[in-house]
Every structure is written in C-alpha cells, then in structure tokens.
C-alpha cells in the first residue's frame, strides 16, 4: 500500500495529471492504489471523493494547511 503523504493544493496545471478512475463508489486502496501501481505512478490522489488521479511528482502548489 502507498503511504499517505497529506493533502495538497490543486490548480489547473495538476501535480497528478492522469485521471485513473472516476466513480461514485471508489475504494481508495482497491481502485486508486491498484490503478496507480498498475500504470507505474509514484503517487495517487483522490479528488472530490469520486476521482482518482496519478502522477510521479507532488507539491508544486504546496500542501494544504
């Protein structure tokens, strides 16, 4: 399982630019983590509770307080 590293700001130019899954019934471990690992991404993130995004770098917009 990927470790939790916190919440980060989001902008139009995303840290995690690859939409992996979108579903109202996402399971973070089963759906997001698996999709990120299967596609070779270092990081995955959940947005709006129904979107899973992946990428290899995070933090360019800073952490959320």
Protein backbone atom coordinates (compact mmCIF):
# COMPACT_ATOMS: atom_id res chain seq x y z
CA UNK A 1 0.00 0.00 0.00
CA UNK A 2 1.21 3.52 -0.77
CA UNK A 3 1.86 5.69 2.31
CA UNK A 4 -0.31 8.74 3.00
CA UNK A 5 1.69 11.96 2.44
CA UNK A 6 -1.01 14.59 3.03
CA UNK A 7 -3.34 16.94 1.21
CA UNK A 8 -2.03 19.27 -1.48
CA UNK A 9 -3.31 22.33 -3.32
CA UNK A 10 -4.76 21.77 -6.78
CA UNK A 11 -4.50 24.12 -9.74
CA UNK A 12 -5.31 23.87 -13.44
CA UNK A 13 -1.76 22.56 -14.03
CA UNK A 14 -2.12 19.47 -11.84
CA UNK A 15 0.55 17.71 -9.80
CA UNK A 16 -1.23 14.47 -10.64
CA UNK A 17 -2.25 14.96 -14.29
CA UNK A 18 -3.55 11.48 -15.14
CA UNK A 19 -7.18 10.60 -14.41
CA UNK A 20 -7.09 6.94 -13.43
CA UNK A 21 -10.71 6.30 -12.43
CA UNK A 22 -13.94 8.18 -11.80
CA UNK A 23 -16.75 6.51 -9.90
CA UNK A 24 -19.16 7.35 -7.12
CA UNK A 25 -18.12 4.12 -5.40
CA UNK A 26 -14.30 4.37 -5.43
CA UNK A 27 -12.38 2.30 -2.92
CA UNK A 28 -9.08 4.13 -2.39
CA UNK A 29 -6.96 1.02 -1.86
CA UNK A 30 -8.68 -1.33 -4.29
CA UNK A 31 -9.31 1.17 -7.09
CA UNK A 32 -6.91 4.12 -6.79
CA UNK A 33 -3.79 2.48 -5.38
CA UNK A 34 -4.11 -0.52 -7.70
CA UNK A 35 -4.63 1.66 -10.79
CA UNK A 36 -1.65 3.84 -9.86
CA UNK A 37 0.64 0.87 -9.28
CA UNK A 38 -0.58 -0.91 -12.43
CA UNK A 39 0.17 2.21 -14.51
CA UNK A 40 3.58 2.81 -12.88
CA UNK A 41 2.82 6.04 -10.99
CA UNK A 42 4.60 7.01 -7.79
CA UNK A 43 1.64 8.95 -6.34
CA UNK A 44 -2.14 8.76 -6.48
CA UNK A 45 -4.70 11.15 -5.10
CA UNK A 46 -8.42 11.27 -4.52
CA UNK A 47 -10.34 14.39 -5.52
CA UNK A 48 -14.00 15.21 -4.86
CA UNK A 49 -14.47 11.71 -3.43
CA UNK A 50 -15.06 10.23 -6.88
CA UNK A 51 -11.92 10.91 -8.95
CA UNK A 52 -8.59 9.12 -8.68
CA UNK A 53 -5.55 10.86 -10.23
CA UNK A 54 -1.97 9.64 -10.69
CA UNK A 55 1.48 11.10 -11.36
CA UNK A 56 5.13 10.98 -10.38
CA UNK A 57 5.65 14.34 -8.66
CA UNK A 58 3.73 16.22 -5.98
CA UNK A 59 3.95 19.50 -4.13
CA UNK A 60 4.49 22.14 -6.82
CA UNK A 61 1.49 24.12 -5.48
CA UNK A 62 2.20 23.40 -1.81
CA UNK A 63 0.45 21.47 0.92
CA UNK A 64 -3.00 22.40 2.15
CA UNK A 65 -2.94 23.83 5.65
